């Protein structure tokens, strides 16, 4: 190509230049949308994994551990109240404590039935 030879060149109009820039912008937006989608997917999957692990931990803590302890105690021939899911014997214990606190205390050093009425009743019922 010689210095004055302009035969192979084409002149671009300003509109074509804008379209070329717009194409680059759309390409960059596609990359950004892809990055946002990846971020949303990874955050959502992390949150789901967290909830799944929390559910497994909760079931382990509230169901498997008490059943395992009950089986170990029964293998040693120890008896006790049956396990109830989620709250165990808590309601029964609170009712016994409320009843024991509502009664007047005797003037003696035997305060065990007043302070821990559930343990006292379970010792009487199931033995030591």
Protein backbone atom coordinates (compact mmCIF):
# COMPACT_ATOMS: atom_id res chain seq x y z
CA UNK A 1 0.00 0.00 0.00
CA UNK A 2 1.48 3.26 -1.09
CA UNK A 3 1.32 6.51 0.75
CA UNK A 4 -1.55 7.97 -1.29
CA UNK A 5 -3.43 4.71 -1.98
CA UNK A 6 -6.75 4.60 -0.12
CA UNK A 7 -8.48 1.92 -2.20
CA UNK A 8 -8.82 -0.83 0.41
CA UNK A 9 -10.07 1.40 3.21
CA UNK A 10 -13.67 2.06 3.99
CA UNK A 11 -14.95 4.99 5.89
CA UNK A 12 -17.10 4.18 8.92
CA UNK A 13 -19.97 6.42 9.75
CA UNK A 14 -20.37 7.56 13.36
CA UNK A 15 -23.42 5.28 13.65
CA UNK A 16 -21.40 2.20 12.84
CA UNK A 17 -18.83 3.17 15.46
CA UNK A 18 -21.59 3.50 18.07
CA UNK A 19 -22.97 0.10 17.14
CA UNK A 20 -19.53 -1.42 17.52
CA UNK A 21 -19.18 0.18 20.94
CA UNK A 22 -22.72 -0.92 21.83
CA UNK A 23 -21.81 -4.49 20.90
CA UNK A 24 -18.87 -4.34 23.28
CA UNK A 25 -21.11 -2.96 26.01
CA UNK A 26 -23.64 -5.77 25.49
CA UNK A 27 -20.82 -8.28 25.63
CA UNK A 28 -19.62 -6.76 28.93
CA UNK A 29 -23.17 -6.74 30.30
CA UNK A 30 -23.49 -10.41 29.45
CA UNK A 31 -20.32 -11.09 31.40
CA UNK A 32 -21.60 -9.02 34.32
CA UNK A 33 -24.96 -10.76 34.29
CA UNK A 34 -23.16 -14.09 34.24
CA UNK A 35 -21.09 -13.02 37.25
CA UNK A 36 -24.23 -11.86 39.09
CA UNK A 37 -25.99 -15.13 38.28
CA UNK A 38 -23.02 -17.12 39.54
CA UNK A 39 -22.97 -15.04 42.73
CA UNK A 40 -26.72 -15.53 43.30
CA UNK A 41 -26.49 -19.26 42.64
CA UNK A 42 -23.51 -19.70 44.96
CA UNK A 43 -25.14 -17.66 47.75
CA UNK A 44 -28.43 -19.55 47.37
CA UNK A 45 -26.71 -22.93 47.39
CA UNK A 46 -24.62 -21.92 50.42
CA UNK A 47 -27.77 -20.84 52.25
CA UNK A 48 -29.52 -24.12 51.38
CA UNK A 49 -26.49 -26.10 52.54
CA UNK A 50 -26.44 -24.13 55.80
CA UNK A 51 -30.14 -24.85 56.44
CA UNK A 52 -29.68 -28.53 55.58
CA UNK A 53 -26.73 -28.86 57.99
CA UNK A 54 -28.69 -26.99 60.68
CA UNK A 55 -31.63 -29.37 60.19
CA UNK A 56 -29.35 -32.41 60.44
CA UNK A 57 -27.67 -30.99 63.56
CA UNK A 58 -31.08 -30.26 65.14
CA UNK A 59 -32.39 -33.75 64.44
CA UNK A 60 -29.19 -35.21 65.83
CA UNK A 61 -29.46 -33.09 68.98
CA UNK A 62 -33.23 -33.48 69.54
CA UNK A 63 -33.82 -37.03 68.36
CA UNK A 64 -30.78 -39.25 67.93
CA UNK A 65 -28.83 -38.27 71.09
CA UNK A 66 -31.74 -38.79 73.55
CA UNK A 67 -32.71 -42.09 71.89
CA UNK A 68 -29.06 -43.22 72.00
CA UNK A 69 -28.75 -42.31 75.70
CA UNK A 70 -32.05 -44.08 76.46
CA UNK A 71 -30.80 -47.24 74.71
CA UNK A 72 -27.49 -47.12 76.58
CA UNK A 73 -29.28 -46.74 79.93
CA UNK A 74 -31.74 -49.51 79.15
CA UNK A 75 -28.83 -51.81 78.20
CA UNK A 76 -27.56 -51.20 81.76
CA UNK A 77 -31.05 -52.01 83.05
CA UNK A 78 -31.68 -48.43 84.15
CA UNK A 79 -35.24 -47.23 83.78
CA UNK A 80 -36.73 -43.77 83.55
CA UNK A 81 -39.49 -41.74 81.99
CA UNK A 82 -40.02 -42.23 78.27
CA UNK A 83 -38.60 -39.68 75.83
CA UNK A 84 -40.93 -37.27 74.08
CA UNK A 85 -39.66 -35.51 70.98
CA UNK A 86 -38.57 -31.87 71.23
CA UNK A 87 -39.53 -31.02 74.81
CA UNK A 88 -38.73 -34.29 76.59
CA UNK A 89 -40.00 -34.23 80.18
CA UNK A 90 -39.78 -30.46 80.54
CA UNK A 91 -43.53 -29.87 80.85
CA UNK A 92 -43.85 -32.57 83.49
CA UNK A 93 -40.86 -31.15 85.42
CA UNK A 94 -42.24 -27.59 85.37
CA UNK A 95 -45.65 -28.80 86.59
CA UNK A 96 -44.05 -30.76 89.45
CA UNK A 97 -41.88 -27.78 90.49
CA UNK A 98 -44.87 -25.43 90.33
CA UNK A 99 -46.92 -27.80 92.48
CA UNK A 100 -44.07 -28.29 95.00
CA UNK A 101 -43.47 -24.54 95.32
CA UNK A 102 -47.16 -23.86 95.90
CA UNK A 103 -47.21 -26.10 99.00
CA UNK A 104 -45.81 -24.80 102.29
CA UNK A 105 -42.40 -26.16 103.26
CA UNK A 106 -41.93 -28.26 106.38
CA UNK A 107 -39.45 -27.10 108.97
CA UNK A 108 -36.92 -29.81 108.29
CA UNK A 109 -33.69 -30.31 106.42
CA UNK A 110 -35.38 -32.59 103.91
CA UNK A 111 -35.79 -30.07 101.08
CA UNK A 112 -35.00 -32.49 98.22
CA UNK A 113 -38.69 -33.14 97.36
CA UNK A 114 -39.31 -29.38 97.25
CA UNK A 115 -36.26 -28.36 95.22
CA UNK A 116 -36.17 -31.29 92.77
CA UNK A 117 -39.62 -32.91 92.93
CA UNK A 118 -39.21 -34.64 89.55
CA UNK A 119 -36.01 -36.40 90.62
CA UNK A 120 -37.62 -37.38 93.94
CA UNK A 121 -40.69 -38.86 92.21
CA UNK A 122 -38.57 -40.65 89.60
CA UNK A 123 -36.34 -42.17 92.32
CA UNK A 124 -39.46 -43.39 94.09
CA UNK A 125 -40.95 -44.70 90.83
CA UNK A 126 -37.91 -46.18 89.01
CA UNK A 127 -35.37 -46.65 91.81
CA UNK A 128 -31.87 -45.27 92.19
